């Protein structure tokens, strides 16, 4: 999709997801790798992980990896840009996933601050099973000390388990109200 016709606080991340949904991606999992513009894989360089990140054939994202030395983190960053969250109440995600065996990951909203960044984790783990499973989670924004109203940049981050895994994110939707 070449047109970005979405509006609202969640427009940038949802456009990125549309582009990812329509692309065929096949890359090695490595720190700094980008699947499509607005995405970034982050892998702890002190760990040793090998595998592939692919998309297509019904999967928004497919991760298949082994771990030789356990990293502290393995994450996919989805840029939200500098979205202003003043006046917003909730950030929500809906995720459909599947895994060869039960697997979990966490979703986090990261916001820039003058001293670095601050993370606000959504309350529930996403759990993937051998058949399609759907997960919904909400993060309260107003009054949350971990979510500044204004930030130069924000990322929605999926923190995957740093243990061997094979799973698919079949669909992911983000909304901010």
C-alpha atoms as a PDB file:
ATOM      1  CA  UNK A   1       0.000   0.000   0.000  1.00  0.00           C
ATOM      2  CA  UNK A   2       1.503   3.326  -1.043  1.00  0.00           C
ATOM      3  CA  UNK A   3      -1.202   5.583   0.383  1.00  0.00           C
ATOM      4  CA  UNK A   4      -1.354   6.481   4.062  1.00  0.00           C
ATOM      5  CA  UNK A   5      -4.956   7.548   4.519  1.00  0.00           C
ATOM      6  CA  UNK A   6      -5.453   6.867   8.215  1.00  0.00           C
ATOM      7  CA  UNK A   7      -6.047   9.599  10.790  1.00  0.00           C
ATOM      8  CA  UNK A   8      -5.800   9.729  14.552  1.00  0.00           C
ATOM      9  CA  UNK A   9      -3.229   8.971  17.193  1.00  0.00           C
ATOM     10  CA  UNK A  10      -2.843   5.354  16.043  1.00  0.00           C
ATOM     11  CA  UNK A  11      -2.505   6.177  12.312  1.00  0.00           C
ATOM     12  CA  UNK A  12       1.263   5.746  11.977  1.00  0.00           C
ATOM     13  CA  UNK A  13       1.522   2.356  13.661  1.00  0.00           C
ATOM     14  CA  UNK A  14      -1.565   1.004  11.906  1.00  0.00           C
ATOM     15  CA  UNK A  15      -0.225   2.112   8.521  1.00  0.00           C
ATOM     16  CA  UNK A  16       3.046   0.317   9.305  1.00  0.00           C
ATOM     17  CA  UNK A  17       1.050  -2.829  10.104  1.00  0.00           C
ATOM     18  CA  UNK A  18      -0.854  -2.523   6.794  1.00  0.00           C
ATOM     19  CA  UNK A  19       2.448  -2.278   4.905  1.00  0.00           C
ATOM     20  CA  UNK A  20       3.865  -5.270   6.800  1.00  0.00           C
ATOM     21  CA  UNK A  21       0.683  -7.260   6.125  1.00  0.00           C
ATOM     22  CA  UNK A  22       1.058  -6.647   2.377  1.00  0.00           C
ATOM     23  CA  UNK A  23       4.809  -7.324   2.101  1.00  0.00           C
ATOM     24  CA  UNK A  24       6.666 -10.587   1.888  1.00  0.00           C
ATOM     25  CA  UNK A  25       9.524 -10.336   4.353  1.00  0.00           C
ATOM     26  CA  UNK A  26      12.273 -12.892   4.919  1.00  0.00           C
ATOM     27  CA  UNK A  27      15.217 -11.676   6.982  1.00  0.00           C
ATOM     28  CA  UNK A  28      17.664 -13.076   9.497  1.00  0.00           C
ATOM     29  CA  UNK A  29      16.910 -12.082  13.075  1.00  0.00           C
ATOM     30  CA  UNK A  30      19.574  -9.540  13.971  1.00  0.00           C
ATOM     31  CA  UNK A  31      19.879  -6.373  16.010  1.00  0.00           C
ATOM     32  CA  UNK A  32      18.815  -3.324  14.020  1.00  0.00           C
ATOM     33  CA  UNK A  33      17.094  -5.246  11.211  1.00  0.00           C
ATOM     34  CA  UNK A  34      14.011  -3.554   9.751  1.00  0.00           C
ATOM     35  CA  UNK A  35      11.116  -5.526   8.283  1.00  0.00           C
ATOM     36  CA  UNK A  36       9.443  -2.476   6.708  1.00  0.00           C
ATOM     37  CA  UNK A  37       9.840   1.255   7.442  1.00  0.00           C
ATOM     38  CA  UNK A  38       8.685   1.997  10.993  1.00  0.00           C
ATOM     39  CA  UNK A  39       9.834  -1.368  12.388  1.00  0.00           C
ATOM     40  CA  UNK A  40      13.038  -2.439  14.086  1.00  0.00           C
ATOM     41  CA  UNK A  41      14.226  -5.696  15.599  1.00  0.00           C
ATOM     42  CA  UNK A  42      16.210  -5.265  18.797  1.00  0.00           C
ATOM     43  CA  UNK A  43      18.361  -8.145  20.031  1.00  0.00           C
ATOM     44  CA  UNK A  44      20.684  -8.040  23.021  1.00  0.00           C
ATOM     45  CA  UNK A  45      24.170  -8.207  21.480  1.00  0.00           C
ATOM     46  CA  UNK A  46      25.474 -10.126  24.485  1.00  0.00           C
ATOM     47  CA  UNK A  47      23.222 -13.032  23.523  1.00  0.00           C
ATOM     48  CA  UNK A  48      23.583 -15.424  20.618  1.00  0.00           C
ATOM     49  CA  UNK A  49      20.379 -16.078  18.712  1.00  0.00           C
ATOM     50  CA  UNK A  50      19.798 -17.309  15.176  1.00  0.00           C
ATOM     51  CA  UNK A  51      16.662 -17.594  13.131  1.00  0.00           C
ATOM     52  CA  UNK A  52      14.350 -16.028  10.585  1.00  0.00           C
ATOM     53  CA  UNK A  53      11.652 -13.410  10.626  1.00  0.00           C
ATOM     54  CA  UNK A  54       9.182 -13.820   7.767  1.00  0.00           C
ATOM     55  CA  UNK A  55       5.731 -12.665   6.736  1.00  0.00           C
ATOM     56  CA  UNK A  56       3.089 -13.661   4.229  1.00  0.00           C
ATOM     57  CA  UNK A  57       0.963 -16.765   3.774  1.00  0.00           C
ATOM     58  CA  UNK A  58      -1.539 -15.647   6.405  1.00  0.00           C
ATOM     59  CA  UNK A  59       0.995 -14.362   8.930  1.00  0.00           C
ATOM     60  CA  UNK A  60       1.669 -10.719   9.707  1.00  0.00           C
ATOM     61  CA  UNK A  61       4.912 -11.908  11.298  1.00  0.00           C
ATOM     62  CA  UNK A  62       6.501 -15.314  11.785  1.00  0.00           C
ATOM     63  CA  UNK A  63       9.471 -15.818  14.111  1.00  0.00           C
ATOM     64  CA  UNK A  64      11.454 -19.034  14.241  1.00  0.00           C
ATOM     65  CA  UNK A  65      14.655 -18.957  16.271  1.00  0.00           C
ATOM     66  CA  UNK A  66      17.095 -20.904  18.402  1.00  0.00           C
ATOM     67  CA  UNK A  67      19.194 -19.592  21.255  1.00  0.00           C
ATOM     68  CA  UNK A  68      22.828 -20.494  21.733  1.00  0.00           C
ATOM     69  CA  UNK A  69      23.411 -17.919  24.517  1.00  0.00           C
ATOM     70  CA  UNK A  70      20.307 -16.431  26.122  1.00  0.00           C
ATOM     71  CA  UNK A  71      19.896 -12.728  25.333  1.00  0.00           C
ATOM     72  CA  UNK A  72      18.346 -10.383  27.872  1.00  0.00           C
ATOM     73  CA  UNK A  73      15.814  -9.273  25.267  1.00  0.00           C
ATOM     74  CA  UNK A  74      14.445  -9.906  21.802  1.00  0.00           C
ATOM     75  CA  UNK A  75      11.965  -7.271  20.668  1.00  0.00           C
ATOM     76  CA  UNK A  76      10.097  -5.825  17.719  1.00  0.00           C
ATOM     77  CA  UNK A  77       9.679  -2.037  17.807  1.00  0.00           C
ATOM     78  CA  UNK A  78       6.765  -0.442  15.953  1.00  0.00           C
ATOM     79  CA  UNK A  79       7.054   3.343  15.699  1.00  0.00           C
ATOM     80  CA  UNK A  80       4.141   5.515  16.800  1.00  0.00           C
ATOM     81  CA  UNK A  81       6.083   8.696  15.981  1.00  0.00           C
ATOM     82  CA  UNK A  82       5.703  11.630  18.355  1.00  0.00           C
ATOM     83  CA  UNK A  83       2.005  11.049  18.927  1.00  0.00           C
ATOM     84  CA  UNK A  84       0.472  13.419  21.494  1.00  0.00           C
ATOM     85  CA  UNK A  85      -1.479  11.373  24.055  1.00  0.00           C
ATOM     86  CA  UNK A  86      -2.836  14.325  26.041  1.00  0.00           C
ATOM     87  CA  UNK A  87      -6.581  13.828  26.170  1.00  0.00           C
ATOM     88  CA  UNK A  88      -6.331  10.124  25.273  1.00  0.00           C
ATOM     89  CA  UNK A  89      -7.687   7.576  27.736  1.00  0.00           C
ATOM     90  CA  UNK A  90      -6.637   4.133  26.491  1.00  0.00           C
ATOM     91  CA  UNK A  91      -4.174   2.369  24.234  1.00  0.00           C
ATOM     92  CA  UNK A  92      -5.353  -1.062  23.194  1.00  0.00           C
ATOM     93  CA  UNK A  93      -4.071  -3.997  21.194  1.00  0.00           C
ATOM     94  CA  UNK A  94      -5.856  -6.939  19.645  1.00  0.00           C
ATOM     95  CA  UNK A  95      -3.572  -9.776  18.591  1.00  0.00           C
ATOM     96  CA  UNK A  96      -4.272 -13.092  16.908  1.00  0.00           C
ATOM     97  CA  UNK A  97      -1.378 -15.544  17.216  1.00  0.00           C
ATOM     98  CA  UNK A  98      -0.364 -19.174  16.953  1.00  0.00           C
ATOM     99  CA  UNK A  99       2.707 -21.109  18.166  1.00  0.00           C
ATOM    100  CA  UNK A 100       4.083 -24.613  17.766  1.00  0.00           C
ATOM    101  CA  UNK A 101       3.929 -24.857  21.569  1.00  0.00           C
ATOM    102  CA  UNK A 102       2.624 -22.426  24.179  1.00  0.00           C
ATOM    103  CA  UNK A 103       4.618 -19.207  24.083  1.00  0.00           C
ATOM    104  CA  UNK A 104       4.221 -15.734  25.579  1.00  0.00           C
ATOM    105  CA  UNK A 105       5.306 -12.189  24.860  1.00  0.00           C
ATOM    106  CA  UNK A 106       4.709  -8.768  26.422  1.00  0.00           C
ATOM    107  CA  UNK A 107       3.543  -5.517  24.849  1.00  0.00           C
ATOM    108  CA  UNK A 108       5.008  -2.205  25.979  1.00  0.00           C
ATOM    109  CA  UNK A 109       4.535   1.476  25.179  1.00  0.00           C
ATOM    110  CA  UNK A 110       7.924   3.226  25.244  1.00  0.00           C
ATOM    111  CA  UNK A 111       7.998   7.034  25.366  1.00  0.00           C
ATOM    112  CA  UNK A 112      10.987   9.340  25.059  1.00  0.00           C
ATOM    113  CA  UNK A 113      11.786  11.609  27.994  1.00  0.00           C
ATOM    114  CA  UNK A 114      14.475  14.282  28.446  1.00  0.00           C
ATOM    115  CA  UNK A 115      16.505  11.713  30.416  1.00  0.00           C
ATOM    116  CA  UNK A 116      16.035   8.746  28.049  1.00  0.00           C
ATOM    117  CA  UNK A 117      12.834   6.746  27.843  1.00  0.00           C
ATOM    118  CA  UNK A 118      10.130   5.274  30.052  1.00  0.00           C
ATOM    119  CA  UNK A 119       8.280   1.979  29.534  1.00  0.00           C
ATOM    120  CA  UNK A 120       4.645   1.241  30.338  1.00  0.00           C
ATOM    121  CA  UNK A 121       3.801  -2.454  29.955  1.00  0.00           C
ATOM    122  CA  UNK A 122       0.289  -3.544  29.125  1.00  0.00           C
ATOM    123  CA  UNK A 123      -0.991  -5.636  32.046  1.00  0.00           C
ATOM    124  CA  UNK A 124      -1.384  -9.061  30.407  1.00  0.00           C
ATOM    125  CA  UNK A 125       0.997 -11.425  28.626  1.00  0.00           C
ATOM    126  CA  UNK A 126       0.026 -12.418  25.090  1.00  0.00           C
ATOM    127  CA  UNK A 127      -0.209 -16.223  25.094  1.00  0.00           C
ATOM    128  CA  UNK A 128       0.062 -18.157  21.829  1.00  0.00           C
ATOM    129  CA  UNK A 129      -1.110 -21.752  21.464  1.00  0.00           C
ATOM    130  CA  UNK A 130      -1.023 -24.461  18.773  1.00  0.00           C
ATOM    131  CA  UNK A 131      -4.265 -23.069  17.318  1.00  0.00           C
ATOM    132  CA  UNK A 132      -5.237 -19.470  16.614  1.00  0.00           C
ATOM    133  CA  UNK A 133      -5.826 -17.533  19.818  1.00  0.00           C
ATOM    134  CA  UNK A 134      -6.991 -13.950  20.211  1.00  0.00           C
ATOM    135  CA  UNK A 135      -5.711 -11.576  22.876  1.00  0.00           C
ATOM    136  CA  UNK A 136      -6.951  -8.116  23.817  1.00  0.00           C
ATOM    137  CA  UNK A 137      -5.308  -5.785  26.291  1.00  0.00           C
ATOM    138  CA  UNK A 138      -5.660  -2.155  27.376  1.00  0.00           C
ATOM    139  CA  UNK A 139      -3.299   0.374  28.916  1.00  0.00           C
ATOM    140  CA  UNK A 140      -4.811   3.296  30.807  1.00  0.00           C
ATOM    141  CA  UNK A 141      -3.111   6.468  29.573  1.00  0.00           C
ATOM    142  CA  UNK A 142      -4.653   9.349  31.507  1.00  0.00           C
ATOM    143  CA  UNK A 143      -3.138   9.672  34.949  1.00  0.00           C
ATOM    144  CA  UNK A 144      -0.498   6.998  34.206  1.00  0.00           C
ATOM    145  CA  UNK A 145       2.869   8.270  35.510  1.00  0.00           C
ATOM    146  CA  UNK A 146       4.693   6.037  33.000  1.00  0.00           C
ATOM    147  CA  UNK A 147       3.009   7.685  29.989  1.00  0.00           C
ATOM    148  CA  UNK A 148       3.915  11.339  29.413  1.00  0.00           C
ATOM    149  CA  UNK A 149       1.268  13.259  27.471  1.00  0.00           C
ATOM    150  CA  UNK A 150       3.827  14.491  24.962  1.00  0.00           C
ATOM    151  CA  UNK A 151       6.983  12.723  23.778  1.00  0.00           C
ATOM    152  CA  UNK A 152       9.378  13.273  20.866  1.00  0.00           C
ATOM    153  CA  UNK A 153       8.897   9.634  19.866  1.00  0.00           C
ATOM    154  CA  UNK A 154       7.042   6.529  21.015  1.00  0.00           C
ATOM    155  CA  UNK A 155       7.336   2.848  20.141  1.00  0.00           C
ATOM    156  CA  UNK A 156       4.971  -0.032  20.697  1.00  0.00           C
ATOM    157  CA  UNK A 157       7.325  -2.885  21.558  1.00  0.00           C
ATOM    158  CA  UNK A 158       6.670  -6.619  21.494  1.00  0.00           C
ATOM    159  CA  UNK A 159       9.108  -8.284  23.911  1.00  0.00           C
ATOM    160  CA  UNK A 160       9.485 -11.940  22.932  1.00  0.00           C
ATOM    161  CA  UNK A 161      10.755 -14.693  25.228  1.00  0.00           C
ATOM    162  CA  UNK A 162      14.543 -15.016  24.840  1.00  0.00           C
ATOM    163  CA  UNK A 163      14.219 -18.802  24.622  1.00  0.00           C
ATOM    164  CA  UNK A 164      13.892 -20.941  21.458  1.00  0.00           C
ATOM    165  CA  UNK A 165      10.497 -20.426  19.829  1.00  0.00           C
ATOM    166  CA  UNK A 166       8.451 -20.735  16.682  1.00  0.00           C
ATOM    167  CA  UNK A 167       5.281 -18.666  16.434  1.00  0.00           C
ATOM    168  CA  UNK A 168       3.152 -16.444  14.215  1.00  0.00           C
ATOM    169  CA  UNK A 169       1.399 -13.183  14.807  1.00  0.00           C
ATOM    170  CA  UNK A 170      -1.527 -13.659  12.446  1.00  0.00           C
ATOM    171  CA  UNK A 171      -2.937 -10.159  13.005  1.00  0.00           C
ATOM    172  CA  UNK A 172      -2.265  -7.146  15.217  1.00  0.00           C
ATOM    173  CA  UNK A 173      -4.443  -4.048  15.615  1.00  0.00           C
ATOM    174  CA  UNK A 174      -3.668  -0.983  17.723  1.00  0.00           C
ATOM    175  CA  UNK A 175      -6.121   1.663  18.859  1.00  0.00           C
ATOM    176  CA  UNK A 176      -5.858   4.830  20.917  1.00  0.00           C
ATOM    177  CA  UNK A 177      -8.979   6.520  22.293  1.00  0.00           C
END
